[in-house]
Protein backbone atom coordinates (compact mmCIF):
# COMPACT_ATOMS: atom_id res chain seq x y z
CA MET A 1 16.45 0.92 24.92
CA THR A 2 19.17 1.35 27.59
CA VAL A 3 20.34 -1.64 29.35
CA ILE A 4 22.62 -1.50 32.43
CA ILE A 5 24.66 -4.68 33.02
CA ARG A 6 26.41 -5.45 36.27
CA CYS A 7 28.59 -8.30 35.88
CA PRO A 8 30.27 -9.42 39.03
CA THR A 9 32.99 -11.48 37.48
CA ILE A 10 34.64 -11.45 34.03
CA LYS A 11 34.10 -15.11 33.70
CA LYS A 12 30.34 -14.64 33.46
CA LEU A 13 30.67 -12.01 30.54
CA PRO A 14 30.55 -14.52 27.75
CA LEU A 15 27.42 -15.96 29.21
CA LEU A 16 25.94 -12.66 29.62
CA LEU A 17 26.92 -11.68 26.02
CA SER A 18 25.28 -14.94 24.62
CA PHE A 19 22.13 -14.17 26.51
CA LEU A 20 22.11 -10.55 25.01
CA LEU A 21 22.58 -11.76 21.46
CA PHE A 22 19.77 -14.35 22.01
CA TYR A 23 17.51 -11.66 23.31
CA LEU A 24 18.29 -9.44 20.47
CA GLN A 25 17.77 -12.45 17.99
CA VAL A 26 14.37 -13.21 19.62
CA SER A 27 13.15 -9.58 19.65
CA SER A 28 14.12 -9.27 15.82
CA ASP A 29 12.21 -12.45 15.04
CA LYS A 30 9.43 -11.16 17.10
CA GLU A 31 9.22 -8.10 15.09
CA VAL A 32 9.50 -9.91 11.66
CA LEU A 33 6.59 -12.16 12.96
CA ARG A 34 4.42 -9.12 13.87
CA HIS A 35 5.19 -7.43 10.51
CA GLU A 36 4.10 -10.75 8.55
CA THR A 37 1.09 -11.09 10.73
CA GLU A 38 -0.32 -7.52 9.82
CA GLU A 39 0.46 -8.29 6.19
CA GLN A 40 -1.58 -11.41 6.47
CA LYS A 41 -4.46 -9.57 8.15
CA GLU A 42 -4.37 -7.05 5.35
CA ARG A 43 -4.46 -9.91 2.73
CA VAL A 44 -7.19 -11.61 4.41
CA LEU A 45 -9.38 -8.28 4.56
CA GLN A 46 -8.65 -7.75 0.87
CA LEU A 47 -9.90 -11.26 0.16
CA GLU A 48 -13.12 -10.90 2.22
CA LYS A 49 -13.87 -7.90 0.22
CA SER A 50 -13.23 -9.59 -2.98
CA GLU A 51 -15.49 -12.48 -1.95
CA ARG A 52 -18.35 -9.91 -1.10
CA ALA A 53 -17.86 -8.23 -4.29
CA LEU A 54 -17.88 -11.49 -6.46
CA GLU A 55 -21.06 -12.68 -4.29
CA LEU A 56 -22.74 -9.56 -5.48
CA ASP A 57 -21.76 -9.84 -8.98
CA ASN A 58 -22.98 -13.41 -8.93
CA GLU A 59 -26.38 -12.31 -7.55
CA ARG A 60 -26.81 -9.55 -10.15
CA LEU A 61 -25.77 -11.92 -12.91
CA ALA A 62 -28.32 -14.63 -11.76
CA PHE A 63 -31.04 -12.04 -11.48
CA LYS A 64 -29.98 -10.86 -15.12
CA VAL A 65 -30.16 -14.35 -16.44
CA GLU A 66 -33.49 -15.00 -14.70
CA TYR A 67 -35.05 -11.71 -15.91
CA GLU A 68 -33.89 -12.44 -19.59
CA SER A 69 -35.15 -16.01 -19.50
CA PHE A 70 -38.56 -14.53 -18.07
CA CYS A 71 -38.71 -11.95 -20.93
CA LYS A 72 -38.00 -14.74 -23.50
CA ASN A 73 -40.81 -17.09 -22.16
CA THR A 74 -43.14 -14.10 -21.87
CA GLN A 75 -42.53 -13.33 -25.65
CA LYS A 76 -43.13 -16.90 -26.52
CA ILE A 77 -46.32 -16.85 -24.60
CA ILE A 78 -47.45 -13.71 -26.26
CA ILE A 79 -46.73 -15.21 -29.72
CA ILE A 80 -48.70 -18.28 -28.87
CA LEU A 81 -51.68 -16.26 -27.77
CA LYS A 82 -51.67 -14.01 -30.75
CA GLY A 83 -51.49 -17.25 -32.80
CA LEU A 84 -54.53 -18.63 -30.98
CA ASN A 85 -56.35 -15.42 -31.20
CA ASN A 86 -55.74 -15.37 -35.08
CA ASP A 87 -56.94 -18.85 -35.31
CA LEU A 88 -60.35 -17.83 -33.76
């Protein structure tokens, strides 16, 4: 960026230089904040993806446990029914 400075008097030069240094510092801070914000956005996206994956894993596990429980209970019922059938 090119900046043309017209300073009417030499007395105002220190003030102008102070302003330019402040402007450069603010611009630098703004870039750092922009970079940090982008990093945080990426981290949030990663965390959201991880959360969705964990939810799917939990649903699969819950289904598996429910299915295994159903199978065990069904086997118990079959054994009981076979026992009843043999008693007759």
